[in-house]
Each structure stands twice: as C-alpha cells, then as structure tokens.
Amino acid sequence: MTTVLLMMHLLLALALVGVVLIQRSEGGGLGIGGGMGGLMSGRGTADFLTRTTAILAACFMASSMLLAYVSTRDEAPVSVLEELEKPADDEDFTDLQTELPSAAPEIEFEEAPSVPVDQ
C-alpha cells in the first residue's frame, strides 16, 4: 500500500510542477500563448490552470499526510532512553566462557637445538 501511495505522490508532484510551469507569470515565463485562434481564451486558460493547480496542491498535501500516517502506523517509536533502561535479556548473550581462569597456565618451552654459525 505504501508503494502505491508513494507512486501516486510522485505523479502528483510531477503534475503540479508541470502545471505551475505552464502558467503565465508576470514576466511571461513558460506560459501558454493567449492568441485568438487558441482553443481557450487567455482568461479561461488562466482560470483553468489556477483551479488545476489548487486541486493538485490539495491532493499533494493529502497524499503527504496519508503517507506520514501510513509510515508511522506500523512501528511504535522507541526512545533511546527507554532502550538504555530496559534490562538485558539472557538470550542476548552467548555463554561462551562463564568463568575466567584464575591464573594463566604455565607454558613450558623446550630448548631449541643450537645450530652452528659456520654452516
């Protein structure tokens, strides 16, 4: 479900960027030409793009909030301080060596045979 919501969110973001770039700014920008031979008049195009931008922005915000809700619903937040205060379980440790030897064992070295230097 999260993947589907994330893909819809991405498509909404791309559509919103596209619609905003198409709109005519005060300086002209990337706006659509408002010639008389066009399908819609300049005023009708501006109203249509403004409404489309508002609808896409509202859908984008709703999908953002829905994604935030879905992502936090699965896991409960855990504080670092709560983790420190929690007693350690016996299963967390392996019982490799329970007691340390009291003294190091005596190691006896054998005398190495001497090798004459002139060989």
PDB file of N, CA and C in Angstrom:
ATOM      1  N   MET A   1       0.824  -1.187   0.000  1.00  0.00           N
ATOM      2  CA  MET A   1       0.000   0.000   0.000  1.00  0.00           C
ATOM      3  C   MET A   1       0.869   1.251   0.000  1.00  0.00           C
ATOM      4  N   THR A   2       1.965   1.186   0.742  1.00  0.00           N
ATOM      5  CA  THR A   2       2.855   2.339   0.808  1.00  0.00           C
ATOM      6  C   THR A   2       3.458   2.632  -0.559  1.00  0.00           C
ATOM      7  N   THR A   3       3.776   1.582  -1.310  1.00  0.00           N
ATOM      8  CA  THR A   3       4.370   1.777  -2.627  1.00  0.00           C
ATOM      9  C   THR A   3       3.384   2.457  -3.574  1.00  0.00           C
ATOM     10  N   VAL A   4       2.137   2.046  -3.526  1.00  0.00           N
ATOM     11  CA  VAL A   4       1.121   2.655  -4.385  1.00  0.00           C
ATOM     12  C   VAL A   4       0.934   4.128  -4.013  1.00  0.00           C
ATOM     13  N   LEU A   5       0.859   4.420  -2.724  1.00  0.00           N
ATOM     14  CA  LEU A   5       0.716   5.810  -2.280  1.00  0.00           C
ATOM     15  C   LEU A   5       1.921   6.646  -2.680  1.00  0.00           C
ATOM     16  N   LEU A   6       3.095   6.060  -2.573  1.00  0.00           N
ATOM     17  CA  LEU A   6       4.308   6.786  -2.930  1.00  0.00           C
ATOM     18  C   LEU A   6       4.356   7.081  -4.434  1.00  0.00           C
ATOM     19  N   MET A   7       3.921   6.139  -5.255  1.00  0.00           N
ATOM     20  CA  MET A   7       3.887   6.375  -6.701  1.00  0.00           C
ATOM     21  C   MET A   7       2.857   7.458  -7.056  1.00  0.00           C
ATOM     22  N   MET A   8       1.680   7.419  -6.402  1.00  0.00           N
ATOM     23  CA  MET A   8       0.676   8.465  -6.635  1.00  0.00           C
ATOM     24  C   MET A   8       1.213   9.829  -6.210  1.00  0.00           C
ATOM     25  N   HIS A   9       1.928   9.870  -5.104  1.00  0.00           N
ATOM     26  CA  HIS A   9       2.517  11.107  -4.589  1.00  0.00           C
ATOM     27  C   HIS A   9       3.532  11.663  -5.593  1.00  0.00           C
ATOM     28  N   LEU A  10       4.342  10.783  -6.151  1.00  0.00           N
ATOM     29  CA  LEU A  10       5.328  11.202  -7.135  1.00  0.00           C
ATOM     30  C   LEU A  10       4.655  11.749  -8.396  1.00  0.00           C
ATOM     31  N   LEU A  11       3.609  11.080  -8.873  1.00  0.00           N
ATOM     32  CA  LEU A  11       2.887  11.560 -10.048  1.00  0.00           C
ATOM     33  C   LEU A  11       2.207  12.904  -9.787  1.00  0.00           C
ATOM     34  N   LEU A  12       1.649  13.060  -8.593  1.00  0.00           N
ATOM     35  CA  LEU A  12       1.043  14.345  -8.235  1.00  0.00           C
ATOM     36  C   LEU A  12       2.086  15.461  -8.211  1.00  0.00           C
ATOM     37  N   ALA A  13       3.255  15.160  -7.691  1.00  0.00           N
ATOM     38  CA  ALA A  13       4.320  16.170  -7.637  1.00  0.00           C
ATOM     39  C   ALA A  13       4.754  16.574  -9.041  1.00  0.00           C
ATOM     40  N   LEU A  14       4.925  15.601  -9.916  1.00  0.00           N
ATOM     41  CA  LEU A  14       5.312  15.923 -11.290  1.00  0.00           C
ATOM     42  C   LEU A  14       4.230  16.720 -12.010  1.00  0.00           C
ATOM     43  N   ALA A  15       2.974  16.340 -11.808  1.00  0.00           N
ATOM     44  CA  ALA A  15       1.865  17.076 -12.435  1.00  0.00           C
ATOM     45  C   ALA A  15       1.790  18.504 -11.899  1.00  0.00           C
ATOM     46  N   LEU A  16       2.002  18.671 -10.612  1.00  0.00           N
ATOM     47  CA  LEU A  16       1.948  20.005 -10.015  1.00  0.00           C
ATOM     48  C   LEU A  16       3.064  20.889 -10.560  1.00  0.00           C
ATOM     49  N   VAL A  17       4.262  20.338 -10.678  1.00  0.00           N
ATOM     50  CA  VAL A  17       5.377  21.106 -11.245  1.00  0.00           C
ATOM     51  C   VAL A  17       5.069  21.485 -12.688  1.00  0.00           C
ATOM     52  N   GLY A  18       4.538  20.540 -13.449  1.00  0.00           N
ATOM     53  CA  GLY A  18       4.207  20.825 -14.840  1.00  0.00           C
ATOM     54  C   GLY A  18       3.161  21.908 -14.994  1.00  0.00           C
ATOM     55  N   VAL A  19       2.107  21.847 -14.203  1.00  0.00           N
ATOM     56  CA  VAL A  19       1.037  22.846 -14.296  1.00  0.00           C
ATOM     57  C   VAL A  19       1.537  24.221 -13.875  1.00  0.00           C
ATOM     58  N   VAL A  20       2.383  24.271 -12.869  1.00  0.00           N
ATOM     59  CA  VAL A  20       2.919  25.564 -12.431  1.00  0.00           C
ATOM     60  C   VAL A  20       3.826  26.160 -13.506  1.00  0.00           C
ATOM     61  N   LEU A  21       4.612  25.315 -14.178  1.00  0.00           N
ATOM     62  CA  LEU A  21       5.495  25.837 -15.223  1.00  0.00           C
ATOM     63  C   LEU A  21       4.725  26.302 -16.462  1.00  0.00           C
ATOM     64  N   ILE A  22       3.574  25.731 -16.716  1.00  0.00           N
ATOM     65  CA  ILE A  22       2.776  26.126 -17.881  1.00  0.00           C
ATOM     66  C   ILE A  22       2.127  27.487 -17.675  1.00  0.00           C
ATOM     67  N   GLN A  23       1.830  27.850 -16.445  1.00  0.00           N
ATOM     68  CA  GLN A  23       1.106  29.095 -16.180  1.00  0.00           C
ATOM     69  C   GLN A  23       1.927  30.303 -16.592  1.00  0.00           C
ATOM     70  N   ARG A  24       1.214  31.331 -16.989  1.00  0.00           N
ATOM     71  CA  ARG A  24       1.870  32.575 -17.389  1.00  0.00           C
ATOM     72  C   ARG A  24       2.214  33.371 -16.126  1.00  0.00           C
ATOM     73  N   SER A  25       3.480  33.753 -16.059  1.00  0.00           N
ATOM     74  CA  SER A  25       3.897  34.581 -14.925  1.00  0.00           C
ATOM     75  C   SER A  25       3.798  36.050 -15.340  1.00  0.00           C
ATOM     76  N   GLU A  26       4.168  36.954 -14.462  1.00  0.00           N
ATOM     77  CA  GLU A  26       4.098  38.374 -14.789  1.00  0.00           C
ATOM     78  C   GLU A  26       5.074  38.727 -15.909  1.00  0.00           C
ATOM     79  N   GLY A  27       6.193  37.991 -15.947  1.00  0.00           N
ATOM     80  CA  GLY A  27       7.189  38.276 -16.968  1.00  0.00           C
ATOM     81  C   GLY A  27       6.987  37.456 -18.231  1.00  0.00           C
ATOM     82  N   GLY A  28       6.028  36.610 -18.289  1.00  0.00           N
ATOM     83  CA  GLY A  28       5.800  35.794 -19.475  1.00  0.00           C
ATOM     84  C   GLY A  28       6.184  34.352 -19.233  1.00  0.00           C
ATOM     85  N   GLY A  29       7.386  34.106 -18.726  1.00  0.00           N
ATOM     86  CA  GLY A  29       7.838  32.775 -18.339  1.00  0.00           C
ATOM     87  C   GLY A  29       7.611  31.712 -19.389  1.00  0.00           C
ATOM     88  N   LEU A  30       7.128  30.561 -18.983  1.00  0.00           N
ATOM     89  CA  LEU A  30       6.832  29.459 -19.880  1.00  0.00           C
ATOM     90  C   LEU A  30       5.347  29.388 -20.190  1.00  0.00           C
ATOM     91  N   GLY A  31       4.648  30.471 -20.002  1.00  0.00           N
ATOM     92  CA  GLY A  31       3.189  30.470 -20.126  1.00  0.00           C
ATOM     93  C   GLY A  31       2.705  30.152 -21.521  1.00  0.00           C
ATOM     94  N   ILE A  32       1.474  29.720 -21.600  1.00  0.00           N
ATOM     95  CA  ILE A  32       0.837  29.398 -22.871  1.00  0.00           C
ATOM     96  C   ILE A  32       0.483  30.700 -23.570  1.00  0.00           C
ATOM     97  N   GLY A  33       0.690  30.741 -24.874  1.00  0.00           N
ATOM     98  CA  GLY A  33       0.319  31.930 -25.641  1.00  0.00           C
ATOM     99  C   GLY A  33      -1.189  32.084 -25.668  1.00  0.00           C
ATOM    100  N   GLY A  34      -1.668  33.282 -25.517  1.00  0.00           N
ATOM    101  CA  GLY A  34      -3.100  33.516 -25.469  1.00  0.00           C
ATOM    102  C   GLY A  34      -3.639  34.089 -26.760  1.00  0.00           C
ATOM    103  N   GLY A  35      -3.252  33.494 -27.889  1.00  0.00           N
ATOM    104  CA  GLY A  35      -3.710  34.005 -29.178  1.00  0.00           C
ATOM    105  C   GLY A  35      -5.201  33.774 -29.374  1.00  0.00           C
ATOM    106  N   MET A  36      -5.788  34.515 -30.320  1.00  0.00           N
ATOM    107  CA  MET A  36      -7.224  34.411 -30.574  1.00  0.00           C
ATOM    108  C   MET A  36      -7.604  33.085 -31.212  1.00  0.00           C
ATOM    109  N   GLY A  37      -6.674  32.432 -31.907  1.00  0.00           N
ATOM    110  CA  GLY A  37      -7.002  31.185 -32.566  1.00  0.00           C
ATOM    111  C   GLY A  37      -6.934  29.986 -31.638  1.00  0.00           C
ATOM    112  N   GLY A  38      -6.614  30.190 -30.376  1.00  0.00           N
ATOM    113  CA  GLY A  38      -6.480  29.080 -29.435  1.00  0.00           C
ATOM    114  C   GLY A  38      -7.824  28.493 -29.056  1.00  0.00           C
ATOM    115  N   LEU A  39      -7.767  27.327 -28.458  1.00  0.00           N
ATOM    116  CA  LEU A  39      -8.990  26.642 -28.043  1.00  0.00           C
ATOM    117  C   LEU A  39      -9.693  27.405 -26.919  1.00  0.00           C
ATOM    118  N   MET A  40      -8.897  27.939 -26.005  1.00  0.00           N
ATOM    119  CA  MET A  40      -9.474  28.700 -24.893  1.00  0.00           C
ATOM    120  C   MET A  40      -8.895  30.106 -24.916  1.00  0.00           C
ATOM    121  N   SER A  41      -9.627  31.029 -24.385  1.00  0.00           N
ATOM    122  CA  SER A  41      -9.110  32.393 -24.311  1.00  0.00           C
ATOM    123  C   SER A  41      -8.056  32.465 -23.203  1.00  0.00           C
ATOM    124  N   GLY A  42      -7.309  33.558 -23.169  1.00  0.00           N
ATOM    125  CA  GLY A  42      -6.278  33.725 -22.148  1.00  0.00           C
ATOM    126  C   GLY A  42      -6.848  33.693 -20.745  1.00  0.00           C
ATOM    127  N   ARG A  43      -8.013  34.312 -20.572  1.00  0.00           N
ATOM    128  CA  ARG A  43      -8.659  34.344 -19.256  1.00  0.00           C
ATOM    129  C   ARG A  43      -9.144  32.953 -18.859  1.00  0.00           C
ATOM    130  N   GLY A  44      -9.750  32.225 -19.793  1.00  0.00           N
ATOM    131  CA  GLY A  44     -10.242  30.874 -19.498  1.00  0.00           C
ATOM    132  C   GLY A  44      -9.109  29.916 -19.175  1.00  0.00           C
ATOM    133  N   THR A  45      -7.992  30.052 -19.891  1.00  0.00           N
ATOM    134  CA  THR A  45      -6.831  29.215 -19.619  1.00  0.00           C
ATOM    135  C   THR A  45      -6.277  29.498 -18.234  1.00  0.00           C
ATOM    136  N   ALA A  46      -6.194  30.756 -17.856  1.00  0.00           N
ATOM    137  CA  ALA A  46      -5.673  31.132 -16.544  1.00  0.00           C
ATOM    138  C   ALA A  46      -6.560  30.580 -15.437  1.00  0.00           C
ATOM    139  N   ASP A  47      -7.883  30.692 -15.599  1.00  0.00           N
ATOM    140  CA  ASP A  47      -8.789  30.155 -14.584  1.00  0.00           C
ATOM    141  C   ASP A  47      -8.670  28.634 -14.479  1.00  0.00           C
ATOM    142  N   PHE A  48      -8.582  27.972 -15.633  1.00  0.00           N
ATOM    143  CA  PHE A  48      -8.470  26.518 -15.650  1.00  0.00           C
ATOM    144  C   PHE A  48      -7.166  26.067 -14.980  1.00  0.00           C
ATOM    145  N   LEU A  49      -6.055  26.725 -15.304  1.00  0.00           N
ATOM    146  CA  LEU A  49      -4.764  26.346 -14.711  1.00  0.00           C
ATOM    147  C   LEU A  49      -4.712  26.666 -13.225  1.00  0.00           C
ATOM    148  N   THR A  50      -5.356  27.748 -12.818  1.00  0.00           N
ATOM    149  CA  THR A  50      -5.395  28.091 -11.391  1.00  0.00           C
ATOM    150  C   THR A  50      -6.184  27.048 -10.617  1.00  0.00           C
ATOM    151  N   ARG A  51      -7.324  26.640 -11.161  1.00  0.00           N
ATOM    152  CA  ARG A  51      -8.122  25.597 -10.488  1.00  0.00           C
ATOM    153  C   ARG A  51      -7.372  24.269 -10.457  1.00  0.00           C
ATOM    154  N   THR A  52      -6.730  23.932 -11.569  1.00  0.00           N
ATOM    155  CA  THR A  52      -5.970  22.682 -11.627  1.00  0.00           C
ATOM    156  C   THR A  52      -4.834  22.694 -10.614  1.00  0.00           C
ATOM    157  N   THR A  53      -4.155  23.820 -10.495  1.00  0.00           N
ATOM    158  CA  THR A  53      -3.068  23.940  -9.515  1.00  0.00           C
ATOM    159  C   THR A  53      -3.600  23.771  -8.099  1.00  0.00           C
ATOM    160  N   ALA A  54      -4.718  24.390  -7.808  1.00  0.00           N
ATOM    161  CA  ALA A  54      -5.295  24.288  -6.464  1.00  0.00           C
ATOM    162  C   ALA A  54      -5.704  22.845  -6.153  1.00  0.00           C
ATOM    163  N   ILE A  55      -6.310  22.172  -7.123  1.00  0.00           N
ATOM    164  CA  ILE A  55      -6.742  20.785  -6.900  1.00  0.00           C
ATOM    165  C   ILE A  55      -5.534  19.868  -6.720  1.00  0.00           C
ATOM    166  N   LEU A  56      -4.515  20.034  -7.585  1.00  0.00           N
ATOM    167  CA  LEU A  56      -3.313  19.206  -7.466  1.00  0.00           C
ATOM    168  C   LEU A  56      -2.577  19.479  -6.150  1.00  0.00           C
ATOM    169  N   ALA A  57      -2.543  20.738  -5.722  1.00  0.00           N
ATOM    170  CA  ALA A  57      -1.879  21.077  -4.458  1.00  0.00           C
ATOM    171  C   ALA A  57      -2.613  20.439  -3.280  1.00  0.00           C
ATOM    172  N   ALA A  58      -3.940  20.470  -3.307  1.00  0.00           N
ATOM    173  CA  ALA A  58      -4.716  19.851  -2.220  1.00  0.00           C
ATOM    174  C   ALA A  58      -4.510  18.333  -2.204  1.00  0.00           C
ATOM    175  N   CYS A  59      -4.508  17.715  -3.389  1.00  0.00           N
ATOM    176  CA  CYS A  59      -4.266  16.259  -3.454  1.00  0.00           C
ATOM    177  C   CYS A  59      -2.853  15.918  -2.994  1.00  0.00           C
ATOM    178  N   PHE A  60      -1.884  16.759  -3.350  1.00  0.00           N
ATOM    179  CA  PHE A  60      -0.495  16.541  -2.934  1.00  0.00           C
ATOM    180  C   PHE A  60      -0.357  16.609  -1.409  1.00  0.00           C
ATOM    181  N   MET A  61      -0.995  17.597  -0.800  1.00  0.00           N
ATOM    182  CA  MET A  61      -0.935  17.727   0.658  1.00  0.00           C
ATOM    183  C   MET A  61      -1.640  16.552   1.340  1.00  0.00           C
ATOM    184  N   ALA A  62      -2.779  16.126   0.798  1.00  0.00           N
ATOM    185  CA  ALA A  62      -3.492  14.983   1.373  1.00  0.00           C
ATOM    186  C   ALA A  62      -2.658  13.713   1.267  1.00  0.00           C
ATOM    187  N   SER A  63      -1.998  13.509   0.126  1.00  0.00           N
ATOM    188  CA  SER A  63      -1.170  12.312  -0.009  1.00  0.00           C
ATOM    189  C   SER A  63       0.053  12.383   0.895  1.00  0.00           C
ATOM    190  N   SER A  64       0.577  13.573   1.136  1.00  0.00           N
ATOM    191  CA  SER A  64       1.704  13.727   2.072  1.00  0.00           C
ATOM    192  C   SER A  64       1.302  13.319   3.482  1.00  0.00           C
ATOM    193  N   MET A  65       0.138  13.790   3.912  1.00  0.00           N
ATOM    194  CA  MET A  65      -0.332  13.449   5.256  1.00  0.00           C
ATOM    195  C   MET A  65      -0.671  11.961   5.360  1.00  0.00           C
ATOM    196  N   LEU A  66      -1.242  11.398   4.319  1.00  0.00           N
ATOM    197  CA  LEU A  66      -1.574   9.977   4.318  1.00  0.00           C
ATOM    198  C   LEU A  66      -0.313   9.118   4.356  1.00  0.00           C
ATOM    199  N   LEU A  67       0.704   9.504   3.618  1.00  0.00           N
ATOM    200  CA  LEU A  67       1.976   8.773   3.654  1.00  0.00           C
ATOM    201  C   LEU A  67       2.629   8.856   5.032  1.00  0.00           C
ATOM    202  N   ALA A  68       2.558  10.021   5.658  1.00  0.00           N
ATOM    203  CA  ALA A  68       3.116  10.167   7.002  1.00  0.00           C
ATOM    204  C   ALA A  68       2.373   9.287   7.996  1.00  0.00           C
ATOM    205  N   TYR A  69       1.061   9.212   7.869  1.00  0.00           N
ATOM    206  CA  TYR A  69       0.270   8.378   8.770  1.00  0.00           C
ATOM    207  C   TYR A  69       0.571   6.894   8.558  1.00  0.00           C
ATOM    208  N   VAL A  70       0.636   6.480   7.298  1.00  0.00           N
ATOM    209  CA  VAL A  70       0.865   5.061   6.998  1.00  0.00           C
ATOM    210  C   VAL A  70       2.264   4.636   7.430  1.00  0.00           C
ATOM    211  N   SER A  71       3.246   5.497   7.272  1.00  0.00           N
ATOM    212  CA  SER A  71       4.612   5.120   7.625  1.00  0.00           C
ATOM    213  C   SER A  71       4.814   5.005   9.136  1.00  0.00           C
ATOM    214  N   THR A  72       4.068   5.751   9.937  1.00  0.00           N
ATOM    215  CA  THR A  72       4.232   5.668  11.387  1.00  0.00           C
ATOM    216  C   THR A  72       3.270   4.678  12.026  1.00  0.00           C
ATOM    217  N   ARG A  73       2.315   4.200  11.283  1.00  0.00           N
ATOM    218  CA  ARG A  73       1.321   3.288  11.851  1.00  0.00           C
ATOM    219  C   ARG A  73       1.916   1.919  12.174  1.00  0.00           C
ATOM    220  N   ASP A  74       2.880   1.461  11.386  1.00  0.00           N
ATOM    221  CA  ASP A  74       3.422   0.122  11.548  1.00  0.00           C
ATOM    222  C   ASP A  74       4.328  -0.015  12.766  1.00  0.00           C
ATOM    223  N   GLU A  75       5.080   0.991  13.091  1.00  0.00           N
ATOM    224  CA  GLU A  75       6.052   0.900  14.173  1.00  0.00           C
ATOM    225  C   GLU A  75       5.752   1.935  15.250  1.00  0.00           C
ATOM    226  N   ALA A  76       5.911   1.494  16.490  1.00  0.00           N
ATOM    227  CA  ALA A  76       5.780   2.430  17.599  1.00  0.00           C
ATOM    228  C   ALA A  76       7.149   3.070  17.835  1.00  0.00           C
ATOM    229  N   PRO A  77       7.208   4.367  18.045  1.00  0.00           N
ATOM    230  CA  PRO A  77       8.508   4.995  18.274  1.00  0.00           C
ATOM    231  C   PRO A  77       9.106   4.540  19.601  1.00  0.00           C
ATOM    232  N   VAL A  78      10.392   4.338  19.596  1.00  0.00           N
ATOM    233  CA  VAL A  78      11.097   3.876  20.785  1.00  0.00           C
ATOM    234  C   VAL A  78      12.134   4.927  21.143  1.00  0.00           C
ATOM    235  N   SER A  79      12.127   5.327  22.387  1.00  0.00           N
ATOM    236  CA  SER A  79      13.088   6.306  22.854  1.00  0.00           C
ATOM    237  C   SER A  79      14.425   5.626  23.152  1.00  0.00           C
ATOM    238  N   VAL A  80      15.488   6.333  22.949  1.00  0.00           N
ATOM    239  CA  VAL A  80      16.810   5.795  23.247  1.00  0.00           C
ATOM    240  C   VAL A  80      16.944   5.581  24.751  1.00  0.00           C
ATOM    241  N   LEU A  81      16.365   6.473  25.541  1.00  0.00           N
ATOM    242  CA  LEU A  81      16.456   6.336  26.993  1.00  0.00           C
ATOM    243  C   LEU A  81      15.704   5.101  27.478  1.00  0.00           C
ATOM    244  N   GLU A  82      14.582   4.768  26.831  1.00  0.00           N
ATOM    245  CA  GLU A  82      13.857   3.557  27.207  1.00  0.00           C
ATOM    246  C   GLU A  82      14.670   2.319  26.888  1.00  0.00           C
ATOM    247  N   GLU A  83      15.428   2.359  25.822  1.00  0.00           N
ATOM    248  CA  GLU A  83      16.273   1.218  25.457  1.00  0.00           C
ATOM    249  C   GLU A  83      17.391   1.041  26.473  1.00  0.00           C
ATOM    250  N   LEU A  84      17.923   2.138  27.008  1.00  0.00           N
ATOM    251  CA  LEU A  84      19.008   2.032  27.990  1.00  0.00           C
ATOM    252  C   LEU A  84      18.510   1.483  29.322  1.00  0.00           C
ATOM    253  N   GLU A  85      17.295   1.829  29.703  1.00  0.00           N
ATOM    254  CA  GLU A  85      16.746   1.391  30.983  1.00  0.00           C
ATOM    255  C   GLU A  85      16.228  -0.037  30.943  1.00  0.00           C
ATOM    256  N   LYS A  86      16.000  -0.568  29.760  1.00  0.00           N
ATOM    257  CA  LYS A  86      15.453  -1.909  29.623  1.00  0.00           C
ATOM    258  C   LYS A  86      16.496  -2.933  30.062  1.00  0.00           C
ATOM    259  N   PRO A  87      16.119  -3.899  30.940  1.00  0.00           N
ATOM    260  CA  PRO A  87      17.096  -4.912  31.349  1.00  0.00           C
ATOM    261  C   PRO A  87      17.447  -5.826  30.180  1.00  0.00           C
ATOM    262  N   ALA A  88      18.670  -6.273  30.184  1.00  0.00           N
ATOM    263  CA  ALA A  88      19.132  -7.138  29.100  1.00  0.00           C
ATOM    264  C   ALA A  88      18.543  -8.532  29.265  1.00  0.00           C
ATOM    265  N   ASP A  89      18.149  -9.116  28.178  1.00  0.00           N
ATOM    266  CA  ASP A  89      17.635 -10.483  28.196  1.00  0.00           C
ATOM    267  C   ASP A  89      18.797 -11.463  28.225  1.00  0.00           C
ATOM    268  N   ASP A  90      18.540 -12.642  28.799  1.00  0.00           N
ATOM    269  CA  ASP A  90      19.576 -13.665  28.834  1.00  0.00           C
ATOM    270  C   ASP A  90      19.881 -14.177  27.431  1.00  0.00           C
ATOM    271  N   GLU A  91      18.931 -14.076  26.530  1.00  0.00           N
ATOM    272  CA  GLU A  91      19.134 -14.575  25.178  1.00  0.00           C
ATOM    273  C   GLU A  91      20.042 -13.667  24.367  1.00  0.00           C
ATOM    274  N   ASP A  92      20.269 -12.437  24.841  1.00  0.00           N
ATOM    275  CA  ASP A  92      21.117 -11.525  24.103  1.00  0.00           C
ATOM    276  C   ASP A  92      22.590 -11.899  24.182  1.00  0.00           C
ATOM    277  N   PHE A  93      22.949 -12.676  25.174  1.00  0.00           N
ATOM    278  CA  PHE A  93      24.340 -13.030  25.382  1.00  0.00           C
ATOM    279  C   PHE A  93      24.544 -14.517  25.124  1.00  0.00           C
ATOM    280  N   THR A  94      25.679 -14.847  24.580  1.00  0.00           N
ATOM    281  CA  THR A  94      26.021 -16.256  24.398  1.00  0.00           C
ATOM    282  C   THR A  94      26.938 -16.684  25.529  1.00  0.00           C
ATOM    283  N   ASP A  95      26.817 -17.901  25.915  1.00  0.00           N
ATOM    284  CA  ASP A  95      27.573 -18.418  27.056  1.00  0.00           C
ATOM    285  C   ASP A  95      28.848 -19.097  26.556  1.00  0.00           C
ATOM    286  N   LEU A  96      29.772 -18.296  26.042  1.00  0.00           N
ATOM    287  CA  LEU A  96      30.998 -18.877  25.511  1.00  0.00           C
ATOM    288  C   LEU A  96      31.965 -19.235  26.624  1.00  0.00           C
ATOM    289  N   GLN A  97      32.113 -18.377  27.576  1.00  0.00           N
ATOM    290  CA  GLN A  97      33.023 -18.642  28.681  1.00  0.00           C
ATOM    291  C   GLN A  97      32.434 -17.959  29.908  1.00  0.00           C
ATOM    292  N   THR A  98      32.015 -18.753  30.864  1.00  0.00           N
ATOM    293  CA  THR A  98      31.376 -18.180  32.037  1.00  0.00           C
ATOM    294  C   THR A  98      32.381 -17.758  33.087  1.00  0.00           C
ATOM    295  N   GLU A  99      33.454 -18.460  33.214  1.00  0.00           N
ATOM    296  CA  GLU A  99      34.456 -18.105  34.221  1.00  0.00           C
ATOM    297  C   GLU A  99      35.808 -17.924  33.572  1.00  0.00           C
ATOM    298  N   LEU A 100      36.492 -16.901  34.017  1.00  0.00           N
ATOM    299  CA  LEU A 100      37.849 -16.696  33.545  1.00  0.00           C
ATOM    300  C   LEU A 100      38.792 -17.516  34.408  1.00  0.00           C
ATOM    301  N   PRO A 101      39.836 -18.071  33.860  1.00  0.00           N
ATOM    302  CA  PRO A 101      40.780 -18.821  34.693  1.00  0.00           C
ATOM    303  C   PRO A 101      41.459 -17.881  35.678  1.00  0.00           C
ATOM    304  N   SER A 102      41.731 -18.384  36.869  1.00  0.00           N
ATOM    305  CA  SER A 102      42.307 -17.542  37.916  1.00  0.00           C
ATOM    306  C   SER A 102      43.755 -17.177  37.623  1.00  0.00           C
ATOM    307  N   ALA A 103      44.492 -18.039  36.981  1.00  0.00           N
ATOM    308  CA  ALA A 103      45.879 -17.733  36.643  1.00  0.00           C
ATOM    309  C   ALA A 103      46.163 -18.292  35.258  1.00  0.00           C
ATOM    310  N   ALA A 104      47.101 -17.663  34.619  1.00  0.00           N
ATOM    311  CA  ALA A 104      47.464 -18.129  33.286  1.00  0.00           C
ATOM    312  C   ALA A 104      48.188 -19.467  33.418  1.00  0.00           C
ATOM    313  N   PRO A 105      47.955 -20.396  32.520  1.00  0.00           N
ATOM    314  CA  PRO A 105      48.633 -21.678  32.611  1.00  0.00           C
ATOM    315  C   PRO A 105      50.131 -21.531  32.354  1.00  0.00           C
ATOM    316  N   GLU A 106      50.885 -22.364  33.000  1.00  0.00           N
ATOM    317  CA  GLU A 106      52.331 -22.344  32.822  1.00  0.00           C
ATOM    318  C   GLU A 106      52.661 -22.950  31.466  1.00  0.00           C
ATOM    319  N   ILE A 107      53.437 -22.236  30.709  1.00  0.00           N
ATOM    320  CA  ILE A 107      53.845 -22.717  29.405  1.00  0.00           C
ATOM    321  C   ILE A 107      55.314 -23.113  29.499  1.00  0.00           C
ATOM    322  N   GLU A 108      55.590 -24.342  29.122  1.00  0.00           N
ATOM    323  CA  GLU A 108      56.966 -24.823  29.148  1.00  0.00           C
ATOM    324  C   GLU A 108      57.512 -24.828  27.738  1.00  0.00           C
ATOM    325  N   PHE A 109      58.651 -24.186  27.603  1.00  0.00           N
ATOM    326  CA  PHE A 109      59.306 -24.141  26.307  1.00  0.00           C
ATOM    327  C   PHE A 109      60.441 -25.147  26.283  1.00  0.00           C
ATOM    328  N   GLU A 110      60.554 -25.828  25.175  1.00  0.00           N
ATOM    329  CA  GLU A 110      61.678 -26.739  25.016  1.00  0.00           C
ATOM    330  C   GLU A 110      62.860 -25.950  24.493  1.00  0.00           C
ATOM    331  N   GLU A 111      64.040 -26.412  24.871  1.00  0.00           N
ATOM    332  CA  GLU A 111      65.263 -25.757  24.424  1.00  0.00           C
ATOM    333  C   GLU A 111      65.437 -26.044  22.935  1.00  0.00           C
ATOM    334  N   ALA A 112      65.598 -25.011  22.166  1.00  0.00           N
ATOM    335  CA  ALA A 112      65.794 -25.178  20.726  1.00  0.00           C
ATOM    336  C   ALA A 112      67.187 -25.704  20.477  1.00  0.00           C
ATOM    337  N   PRO A 113      67.362 -26.622  19.542  1.00  0.00           N
ATOM    338  CA  PRO A 113      68.698 -27.122  19.256  1.00  0.00           C
ATOM    339  C   PRO A 113      69.573 -25.995  18.684  1.00  0.00           C
ATOM    340  N   SER A 114      70.784 -25.995  19.104  1.00  0.00           N
ATOM    341  CA  SER A 114      71.687 -24.936  18.627  1.00  0.00           C
ATOM    342  C   SER A 114      72.213 -25.314  17.246  1.00  0.00           C
ATOM    343  N   VAL A 115      72.312 -24.325  16.425  1.00  0.00           N
ATOM    344  CA  VAL A 115      72.821 -24.520  15.069  1.00  0.00           C
ATOM    345  C   VAL A 115      74.150 -23.813  14.966  1.00  0.00           C
ATOM    346  N   PRO A 116      75.157 -24.533  14.510  1.00  0.00           N
ATOM    347  CA  PRO A 116      76.457 -23.851  14.390  1.00  0.00           C
ATOM    348  C   PRO A 116      76.376 -22.712  13.356  1.00  0.00           C
ATOM    349  N   VAL A 117      77.102 -21.670  13.594  1.00  0.00           N
ATOM    350  CA  VAL A 117      77.059 -20.488  12.762  1.00  0.00           C
ATOM    351  C   VAL A 117      77.767 -20.704  11.423  1.00  0.00           C
ATOM    352  N   ASP A 118      78.791 -21.553  11.358  1.00  0.00           N
ATOM    353  CA  ASP A 118      79.583 -21.692  10.142  1.00  0.00           C
ATOM    354  C   ASP A 118      78.868 -22.521   9.077  1.00  0.00           C
ATOM    355  N   GLN A 119      77.781 -23.040   9.278  1.00  0.00           N
ATOM    356  CA  GLN A 119      77.135 -23.840   8.222  1.00  0.00           C
ATOM    357  C   GLN A 119      76.472 -22.987   7.224  1.00  0.00           C
TER     358      GLN A 119
END
